[in-house]
Amino acid sequence: MVQSVLMRFLKIEAREAAPVIAGFLMQFSLFVCYFSMRPIRETMGVVGGVNNLQWLFTATFVATLAVAPLFGWLVSRVRRRNITRWMFGCFGLNIFGFAVMIHLYGETVWLARIFFVWLSVFNLTAISLTWSVLVDVFNSEQARRLFAIMAAGASCGGLAGPLIGVLFVTSIGNAGLLLIAGMMLVITIVCADYLQTRHVRAGDEAVRGSKDASAANTLGGNPFEGAVHLFTSPLLLGIASFVILLASVSTFLYFEQARFVAAHFTDRAEQTRFFSGVDALVQFLTLVIQVFLTGRIAATFGIRALLLTVPIIMTAGFLMLSTSAVMGMFVVVMVIRRVGEYALVRPGREMLFTSVPTADKYKAKNFIDTVVYRGADAVSGWMKAASDMLLSPQMGAVAGAGIALAWVFSAIYTLRQHRRLEDGPVAA
């Protein structure tokens, strides 16, 4: 009885229950993995020097640029259902390696910088890959109903991960947190494997055999196909511009966060606890919105409400920071930005990819989510460093408002391109 009521409330059909649970657990385990490591990365960023953050962002972009062709080659050559096995298996070995290094040598400056760059590559690549699986196995109609529920799995994981840091970092240390993260990544692999080998899109039951066969085949093409398609598709180009401006807004706020934390907390454990506490708050608020609001907003107002709300609020937020740049005000704006991105922007952005060809769901999507995002990070990092030298904090916030306003217009353009594609012939 309770189960049927819950499924009706969440608008889940009976045959969708198992894949939705698998998608939820896939996102949950990945985000427990990532968010148990994220506070370590933030602390490592401070260890590496707040004034060196623009260099770390540039190094991250270079590393992402190096990884992108390798990912493209893997996607082109490996059976589709094995992509997550190979990628997450490799990442898991990296995590255990870092745990050993931190245990043996401690948090040296260079190890801190390497870990910062690695995790910055890992988080976008891994998150993009799990969403590639979801946009591959769920159709557009299902996405509007179900993506918020599976994104709630990410929020639950994002809530549990920081709490692990808050509760256990003083007893097991950062190396112990990394071991927990590595074990959670194994669960992610199992769930992704289930979705790619067992689930069939709604309406495709009659071709289950061919769908299963397609999951066992490679996508073909070349490692640079995703980048090429980006410049030939107005929708993909619109999504890329949207991501560039999203990353720029995030980077401006991230630099301010590091500056505030370095000024208010001197102990590394306290810095990790602060970052973990903020992460926990963000994920709790995100979870509430995803469960009760995101799906209904998407069903009632469409994707446009998901993509436009946060850029508009951020424009106002930066203008408020230009008049009152106190710690409390900054934390409020930062929390709103992150909650809005996870609860609204991310599900809305992923819904756009349900209409593109299968190869683009892996290749072009990953290129946008990693290389384009980190490239924007690097450029906006240097822009923020320059604005700190040339502009007052108030004028820097005004510049941030200008970027957020451009983000609004980028969302409008992208939504128009998506509507044209939805109204036209469906891509094969």
Protein backbone atom coordinates (compact mmCIF):
# COMPACT_ATOMS: atom_id res chain seq x y z
CA MET A 1 0.00 0.00 0.00
CA VAL A 2 2.68 2.47 1.03
CA GLN A 3 4.77 1.45 -1.98
CA SER A 4 1.93 2.06 -4.45
CA VAL A 5 1.10 5.43 -2.91
CA LEU A 6 4.77 6.44 -3.06
CA MET A 7 5.06 5.38 -6.70
CA ARG A 8 1.94 7.34 -7.62
CA PHE A 9 3.27 10.39 -5.75
CA LEU A 10 6.59 10.14 -7.58
CA LYS A 11 4.90 9.27 -10.91
CA ILE A 12 6.86 6.03 -11.33
CA GLU A 13 5.29 3.25 -13.42
CA ALA A 14 5.60 -0.34 -12.15
CA ARG A 15 8.06 -1.47 -14.85
CA GLU A 16 10.24 1.57 -14.14
CA ALA A 17 10.73 0.84 -10.43
CA ALA A 18 13.84 -1.34 -10.76
CA PRO A 19 15.75 0.94 -13.17
CA VAL A 20 14.81 4.04 -11.14
CA ILE A 21 16.15 2.37 -7.98
CA ALA A 22 19.33 1.41 -9.86
CA GLY A 23 19.71 4.96 -11.16
CA PHE A 24 19.11 6.36 -7.68
CA LEU A 25 21.72 4.05 -6.14
CA MET A 26 24.20 4.75 -8.93
CA GLN A 27 24.01 8.48 -8.26
CA PHE A 28 23.96 7.96 -4.49
CA SER A 29 27.10 5.83 -4.38
CA LEU A 30 29.01 8.08 -6.79
CA PHE A 31 28.19 11.19 -4.79
CA VAL A 32 29.08 9.54 -1.49
CA CYS A 33 32.39 8.75 -3.15
CA TYR A 34 32.91 12.27 -4.49
CA PHE A 35 31.60 14.28 -1.55
CA SER A 36 33.61 12.31 0.98
CA MET A 37 36.66 13.46 -1.03
CA ARG A 38 35.50 16.99 -1.92
CA PRO A 39 36.29 18.55 1.49
CA ILE A 40 39.78 17.03 1.19
CA ARG A 41 40.15 18.75 -2.19
CA GLU A 42 39.04 22.10 -0.76
CA THR A 43 41.56 21.74 2.04
CA MET A 44 44.22 20.72 -0.47
CA GLY A 45 43.40 23.86 -2.48
CA VAL A 46 44.13 25.98 0.58
CA VAL A 47 47.32 23.95 1.29
CA GLY A 48 48.46 24.61 -2.27
CA GLY A 49 48.01 28.33 -1.71
CA VAL A 50 44.93 30.49 -2.23
CA ASN A 51 46.96 32.77 -4.50
CA ASN A 52 47.79 29.76 -6.71
CA LEU A 53 44.21 28.70 -7.40
CA GLN A 54 44.25 30.09 -10.94
CA TRP A 55 47.29 27.87 -11.62
CA LEU A 56 45.49 24.85 -10.20
CA PHE A 57 42.48 25.58 -12.41
CA THR A 58 44.76 25.90 -15.44
CA ALA A 59 46.50 22.63 -14.58
CA THR A 60 43.07 21.00 -14.23
CA PHE A 61 42.10 22.19 -17.70
CA VAL A 62 45.33 20.82 -19.20
CA ALA A 63 44.79 17.48 -17.45
CA THR A 64 41.17 17.36 -18.65
CA LEU A 65 42.31 18.16 -22.18
CA ALA A 66 44.74 15.24 -21.99
CA VAL A 67 42.11 12.83 -20.64
CA ALA A 68 39.41 13.76 -23.19
CA PRO A 69 40.96 11.95 -26.20
CA LEU A 70 41.58 8.88 -24.02
CA PHE A 71 37.93 8.86 -23.00
CA GLY A 72 36.90 9.37 -26.63
CA TRP A 73 39.08 6.45 -27.69
CA LEU A 74 37.62 4.24 -24.95
CA VAL A 75 34.03 5.10 -25.90
CA SER A 76 34.78 4.42 -29.58
CA ARG A 77 36.50 1.06 -29.00
CA VAL A 78 34.97 -0.52 -25.88
CA ARG A 79 31.51 -2.10 -25.75
CA ARG A 80 29.03 0.43 -24.43
CA ARG A 81 28.15 -1.60 -21.36
CA ASN A 82 31.89 -1.83 -20.46
CA ILE A 83 32.63 1.90 -20.55
CA THR A 84 31.70 2.46 -16.91
CA ARG A 85 33.58 -0.67 -15.82
CA TRP A 86 36.83 0.56 -17.36
CA MET A 87 36.53 4.21 -16.36
CA PHE A 88 35.39 3.70 -12.77
CA GLY A 89 37.78 0.80 -12.28
CA CYS A 90 40.68 3.05 -13.25
CA PHE A 91 39.43 5.83 -10.98
CA GLY A 92 39.09 3.38 -8.10
CA LEU A 93 42.74 2.38 -8.42
CA ASN A 94 43.69 6.07 -8.40
CA ILE A 95 41.75 6.63 -5.17
CA PHE A 96 43.43 3.77 -3.37
CA GLY A 97 46.79 5.01 -4.62
CA PHE A 98 46.18 8.48 -3.17
CA ALA A 99 45.11 6.92 0.14
CA VAL A 100 48.43 5.09 0.35
CA MET A 101 50.44 8.21 -0.59
CA ILE A 102 48.69 10.40 2.00
CA HIS A 103 49.15 7.72 4.65
CA LEU A 104 52.87 7.42 3.90
CA TYR A 105 53.86 11.01 3.14
CA GLY A 106 51.11 13.20 4.57
CA GLU A 107 49.56 16.21 2.84
CA THR A 108 52.61 17.70 1.19
CA VAL A 109 52.13 20.74 -1.04
CA TRP A 110 52.79 18.89 -4.29
CA LEU A 111 50.63 15.91 -3.34
CA ALA A 112 47.90 18.38 -2.40
CA ARG A 113 48.13 20.04 -5.81
CA ILE A 114 48.12 16.73 -7.70
CA PHE A 115 45.10 15.49 -5.75
CA PHE A 116 43.26 18.79 -6.34
CA VAL A 117 43.77 18.47 -10.09
CA TRP A 118 42.93 14.75 -10.16
CA LEU A 119 39.67 15.09 -8.23
CA SER A 120 38.67 18.07 -10.38
CA VAL A 121 39.05 15.83 -13.44
CA PHE A 122 37.40 12.86 -11.76
CA ASN A 123 34.25 14.62 -10.58
CA LEU A 124 33.18 16.01 -13.95
CA THR A 125 34.16 12.90 -15.91
CA ALA A 126 32.46 10.48 -13.51
CA ILE A 127 29.29 12.53 -13.03
CA SER A 128 29.00 13.12 -16.78
CA LEU A 129 29.38 9.39 -17.43
CA THR A 130 26.61 8.37 -15.04
CA TRP A 131 24.28 10.93 -16.62
CA SER A 132 25.28 9.61 -20.06
CA VAL A 133 24.01 6.21 -18.93
CA LEU A 134 20.72 7.73 -17.76
CA VAL A 135 20.06 9.81 -20.89
CA ASP A 136 20.90 6.69 -22.93
CA VAL A 137 18.39 4.37 -21.23
CA PHE A 138 15.53 6.79 -20.45
CA ASN A 139 13.58 8.71 -23.09
CA SER A 140 12.58 12.39 -23.00
CA GLU A 141 9.16 11.83 -21.41
CA GLN A 142 10.63 9.60 -18.73
CA ALA A 143 13.38 12.13 -18.09
CA ARG A 144 10.87 14.83 -17.15
CA ARG A 145 9.20 12.49 -14.66
CA LEU A 146 12.14 10.53 -13.29
CA PHE A 147 15.40 12.47 -13.54
CA ALA A 148 14.63 14.52 -10.43
CA ILE A 149 14.15 11.31 -8.42
CA MET A 150 17.45 9.86 -9.57
CA ALA A 151 19.16 13.22 -9.06
CA ALA A 152 17.84 13.00 -5.50
CA GLY A 153 20.09 9.96 -5.16
CA ALA A 154 23.00 12.28 -5.90
CA SER A 155 21.78 14.65 -3.21
CA CYS A 156 21.44 11.86 -0.65
CA GLY A 157 24.97 10.78 -1.50
CA GLY A 158 26.11 14.37 -1.37
CA LEU A 159 24.58 14.63 2.09
CA ALA A 160 26.06 11.37 3.37
CA GLY A 161 29.54 12.06 1.97
CA PRO A 162 30.18 15.32 3.86
CA LEU A 163 28.71 13.83 7.04
CA ILE A 164 31.26 11.04 6.80
CA GLY A 165 33.93 13.74 6.73
CA VAL A 166 32.43 15.64 9.65
CA LEU A 167 32.09 12.52 11.82
CA PHE A 168 35.19 10.51 10.98
CA VAL A 169 37.96 12.72 9.56
CA THR A 170 39.49 13.30 13.00
CA SER A 171 39.63 9.54 13.72
CA ILE A 172 40.46 7.94 10.36
CA GLY A 173 42.09 10.90 8.63
CA ASN A 174 41.92 11.88 4.98
CA ALA A 175 43.47 8.56 3.89
CA GLY A 176 40.62 6.68 5.60
CA LEU A 177 38.04 8.85 3.85
CA LEU A 178 39.62 7.94 0.52
CA LEU A 179 39.28 4.22 1.26
CA ILE A 180 35.56 4.68 1.94
CA ALA A 181 35.24 6.62 -1.32
CA GLY A 182 36.89 3.83 -3.29
CA MET A 183 34.53 1.21 -1.89
CA MET A 184 31.48 3.32 -2.83
CA LEU A 185 32.70 3.53 -6.41
CA VAL A 186 32.36 -0.25 -6.73
CA ILE A 187 28.60 0.10 -6.07
CA THR A 188 28.41 2.73 -8.82
CA ILE A 189 29.89 0.26 -11.31
CA VAL A 190 27.34 -2.45 -10.38
CA CYS A 191 24.35 -0.09 -10.78
CA ALA A 192 25.56 1.34 -14.09
CA ASP A 193 26.12 -2.18 -15.39
CA TYR A 194 22.55 -3.16 -14.47
CA LEU A 195 21.07 -0.16 -16.28
CA GLN A 196 23.04 -0.69 -19.46
CA THR A 197 22.41 -4.44 -19.70
CA ARG A 198 18.89 -4.86 -18.29
CA HIS A 199 16.85 -1.69 -18.84
CA VAL A 200 14.95 -0.90 -22.04
CA ARG A 201 13.47 2.45 -22.95
CA ALA A 202 9.70 2.82 -22.76
CA GLY A 203 8.18 1.70 -26.05
CA ASP A 204 11.19 -0.45 -26.98
CA GLU A 205 10.08 -3.73 -25.38
CA ALA A 206 9.44 -5.26 -28.80
CA VAL A 207 13.09 -4.77 -29.72
CA ARG A 208 14.63 -5.89 -26.43
CA GLY A 209 17.03 -8.21 -28.23
CA SER A 210 18.34 -5.49 -30.51
CA LYS A 211 18.67 -3.04 -27.62
CA ASP A 212 20.64 -5.56 -25.60
CA ALA A 213 22.83 -6.19 -28.62
CA SER A 214 23.44 -2.47 -29.07
CA ALA A 215 24.64 -2.22 -25.48
CA ALA A 216 27.20 -4.91 -26.28
CA ASN A 217 28.45 -3.03 -29.38
CA THR A 218 30.88 -0.15 -29.64
CA LEU A 219 29.83 3.33 -30.73
CA GLY A 220 32.61 3.54 -33.30
CA GLY A 221 33.90 6.81 -34.70
CA ASN A 222 37.06 8.57 -33.57
CA PRO A 223 38.21 10.08 -30.25
CA PHE A 224 37.60 13.66 -31.44
CA GLU A 225 34.09 13.12 -32.79
CA GLY A 226 32.43 14.75 -29.77
CA ALA A 227 34.38 17.98 -30.23
CA VAL A 228 33.58 18.07 -33.95
CA HIS A 229 29.85 17.53 -33.40
CA LEU A 230 29.83 20.36 -30.86
CA PHE A 231 30.52 22.89 -33.61
CA THR A 232 28.01 21.40 -36.06
CA SER A 233 24.97 21.25 -33.77
CA PRO A 234 23.26 24.49 -32.66
CA LEU A 235 21.84 22.69 -29.61
CA LEU A 236 25.21 21.32 -28.50
CA LEU A 237 26.77 24.73 -29.10
CA GLY A 238 24.06 26.32 -26.98
CA ILE A 239 24.61 23.81 -24.18
CA ALA A 240 28.35 24.50 -24.35
CA SER A 241 27.84 28.26 -24.02
CA PHE A 242 25.47 27.65 -21.11
CA VAL A 243 28.09 25.47 -19.40
CA ILE A 244 30.85 28.04 -19.99
CA LEU A 245 28.87 30.75 -18.22
CA LEU A 246 27.77 28.36 -15.47
CA ALA A 247 31.42 27.48 -14.83
CA SER A 248 32.43 31.15 -14.86
CA VAL A 249 29.86 32.07 -12.23
CA SER A 250 30.90 29.08 -10.13
CA THR A 251 34.60 29.96 -10.38
CA PHE A 252 34.06 33.56 -9.30
CA LEU A 253 32.24 32.35 -6.18
CA TYR A 254 34.72 29.52 -5.56
CA PHE A 255 37.65 31.95 -5.40
CA GLU A 256 35.79 34.11 -2.92
CA GLN A 257 34.98 31.03 -0.82
CA ALA A 258 38.66 30.04 -0.63
CA ARG A 259 39.62 33.59 0.35
CA PHE A 260 36.99 33.76 3.11
CA VAL A 261 37.90 30.33 4.53
CA ALA A 262 41.64 31.04 4.51
CA ALA A 263 40.97 34.26 6.43
CA HIS A 264 38.61 32.74 9.03
CA PHE A 265 40.10 29.24 9.62
CA THR A 266 43.78 28.41 10.03
CA ASP A 267 43.56 24.73 11.07
CA ARG A 268 43.25 22.22 8.19
CA ALA A 269 40.84 19.97 10.07
CA GLU A 270 38.61 22.98 10.80
CA GLN A 271 38.71 23.96 7.13
CA THR A 272 37.64 20.42 6.16
CA ARG A 273 34.83 20.51 8.75
CA PHE A 274 33.60 23.87 7.42
CA PHE A 275 33.55 22.65 3.82
CA SER A 276 31.83 19.42 4.92
CA GLY A 277 29.19 21.39 6.84
CA VAL A 278 28.41 23.62 3.86
CA ASP A 279 28.23 20.57 1.59
CA ALA A 280 25.81 18.86 3.99
CA LEU A 281 23.54 21.92 4.08
CA VAL A 282 23.59 22.23 0.29
CA GLN A 283 22.72 18.58 -0.25
CA PHE A 284 19.91 18.58 2.33
CA LEU A 285 18.22 21.59 0.71
CA THR A 286 18.79 20.13 -2.74
CA LEU A 287 17.21 16.83 -1.73
CA VAL A 288 14.06 18.53 -0.44
CA ILE A 289 13.66 20.51 -3.66
CA GLN A 290 14.33 17.51 -5.91
CA VAL A 291 11.82 15.26 -4.17
CA PHE A 292 9.00 17.77 -3.83
CA LEU A 293 9.51 20.45 -6.48
CA THR A 294 11.83 19.69 -9.41
CA GLY A 295 9.63 17.12 -11.16
CA ARG A 296 6.53 19.25 -10.71
CA ILE A 297 8.31 22.36 -11.96
CA ALA A 298 9.49 20.45 -15.05
CA ALA A 299 6.00 19.01 -15.68
CA THR A 300 4.21 22.34 -15.18
CA PHE A 301 6.60 24.93 -16.61
CA GLY A 302 8.97 22.80 -18.70
CA ILE A 303 12.75 22.74 -18.87
CA ARG A 304 12.88 26.53 -19.25
CA ALA A 305 12.02 27.03 -15.57
CA LEU A 306 14.84 24.69 -14.54
CA LEU A 307 17.44 26.46 -16.66
CA LEU A 308 16.43 30.10 -16.20
CA THR A 309 15.71 30.37 -12.47
CA VAL A 310 19.27 30.07 -11.14
CA PRO A 311 20.95 32.48 -13.62
CA ILE A 312 18.35 35.12 -12.78
CA ILE A 313 18.84 34.64 -9.03
CA MET A 314 22.63 34.73 -9.41
CA THR A 315 22.43 38.04 -11.24
CA ALA A 316 20.59 39.48 -8.25
CA GLY A 317 22.96 37.71 -5.82
CA PHE A 318 26.09 39.27 -7.32
CA LEU A 319 24.46 42.69 -7.20
CA MET A 320 23.75 42.15 -3.49
CA LEU A 321 27.38 41.15 -2.91
CA SER A 322 28.48 44.38 -4.56
CA THR A 323 26.79 46.26 -1.70
CA SER A 324 27.43 43.87 1.23
CA ALA A 325 30.34 41.42 0.84
CA VAL A 326 30.17 39.98 4.38
CA MET A 327 30.76 36.29 5.17
CA GLY A 328 27.11 35.56 5.92
CA MET A 329 25.85 37.11 2.69
CA PHE A 330 28.48 35.29 0.67
CA VAL A 331 27.58 31.91 2.20
CA VAL A 332 23.89 32.50 1.38
CA VAL A 333 24.64 33.31 -2.27
CA MET A 334 27.04 30.36 -2.55
CA VAL A 335 24.51 27.94 -1.07
CA ILE A 336 21.73 29.21 -3.34
CA ARG A 337 23.95 28.82 -6.39
CA ARG A 338 24.94 25.25 -5.55
CA VAL A 339 21.44 24.16 -4.48
CA GLY A 340 19.99 25.65 -7.64
CA GLU A 341 22.58 23.95 -9.82
CA TYR A 342 22.03 20.49 -8.33
CA ALA A 343 18.24 20.70 -7.90
CA LEU A 344 17.26 22.59 -11.04
CA VAL A 345 20.03 23.27 -13.54
CA ARG A 346 21.62 19.82 -13.61
CA PRO A 347 18.41 17.81 -14.20
CA GLY A 348 17.27 20.39 -16.75
CA ARG A 349 20.59 20.36 -18.59
CA GLU A 350 20.61 16.55 -18.74
CA MET A 351 17.07 16.50 -20.15
CA LEU A 352 18.40 18.37 -23.18
CA PHE A 353 20.61 15.41 -24.09
CA THR A 354 17.75 12.89 -24.38
CA SER A 355 17.06 14.28 -27.87
CA VAL A 356 20.56 13.91 -29.34
CA PRO A 357 22.03 10.82 -31.10
CA THR A 358 23.44 8.06 -28.90
CA ALA A 359 27.09 8.77 -29.74
CA ASP A 360 26.66 12.41 -28.70
CA LYS A 361 25.19 11.31 -25.37
CA TYR A 362 28.63 9.92 -24.52
CA LYS A 363 31.18 11.75 -26.68
CA ALA A 364 29.89 15.30 -27.16
CA LYS A 365 28.30 15.34 -23.72
CA ASN A 366 31.52 14.30 -22.00
CA PHE A 367 33.52 16.84 -24.01
CA ILE A 368 31.16 19.62 -22.91
CA ASP A 369 30.98 18.45 -19.30
CA THR A 370 34.76 18.15 -18.94
CA VAL A 371 36.92 20.04 -21.46
CA VAL A 372 34.51 22.92 -22.05
CA TYR A 373 33.70 23.23 -18.34
CA ARG A 374 37.33 23.08 -17.20
CA GLY A 375 38.41 25.42 -19.98
CA ALA A 376 35.88 27.94 -18.72
CA ASP A 377 37.20 27.32 -15.20
CA ALA A 378 40.75 28.12 -16.28
CA VAL A 379 39.88 31.27 -18.22
CA SER A 380 37.50 32.61 -15.58
CA GLY A 381 40.09 31.80 -12.89
CA TRP A 382 42.58 34.14 -14.51
CA MET A 383 39.83 36.70 -15.10
CA LYS A 384 38.98 36.59 -11.39
CA ALA A 385 42.66 36.95 -10.44
CA ALA A 386 42.95 39.96 -12.77
CA SER A 387 39.75 41.53 -11.45
CA ASP A 388 41.02 41.16 -7.87
CA MET A 389 44.10 43.17 -8.83
CA LEU A 390 42.39 45.78 -10.97
CA LEU A 391 38.93 46.14 -9.43
CA SER A 392 37.54 46.66 -5.97
CA PRO A 393 35.58 43.72 -4.49
CA GLN A 394 32.37 45.63 -5.18
CA MET A 395 33.17 46.13 -8.86
CA GLY A 396 34.28 42.50 -9.10
CA ALA A 397 30.81 41.49 -7.91
CA VAL A 398 29.27 43.75 -10.57
CA ALA A 399 31.39 41.94 -13.19
CA GLY A 400 30.03 38.66 -11.81
CA ALA A 401 26.50 39.99 -12.25
CA GLY A 402 27.29 40.73 -15.89
CA ILE A 403 28.43 37.14 -16.42
CA ALA A 404 25.29 35.82 -14.72
CA LEU A 405 23.13 38.02 -16.99
CA ALA A 406 24.88 36.59 -20.04
CA TRP A 407 24.09 33.16 -18.59
CA VAL A 408 20.39 34.06 -18.70
CA PHE A 409 20.53 34.86 -22.43
CA SER A 410 22.54 31.69 -23.08
CA ALA A 411 19.78 29.64 -21.45
CA ILE A 412 17.16 31.33 -23.64
CA TYR A 413 19.13 30.51 -26.83
CA THR A 414 19.68 26.88 -25.78
CA LEU A 415 16.01 26.37 -24.96
CA ARG A 416 15.03 27.66 -28.40
CA GLN A 417 17.40 25.21 -30.10
CA HIS A 418 16.07 22.33 -28.02
CA ARG A 419 12.48 23.20 -28.87
CA ARG A 420 13.33 23.25 -32.59
CA LEU A 421 14.93 19.81 -32.32
CA GLU A 422 11.99 18.41 -30.34
CA ASP A 423 9.54 19.78 -32.94
CA GLY A 424 11.58 18.35 -35.83
CA PRO A 425 12.47 14.77 -36.78
CA VAL A 426 13.91 12.64 -33.98
CA ALA A 427 17.64 11.98 -34.40
CA ALA A 428 18.62 8.40 -35.10
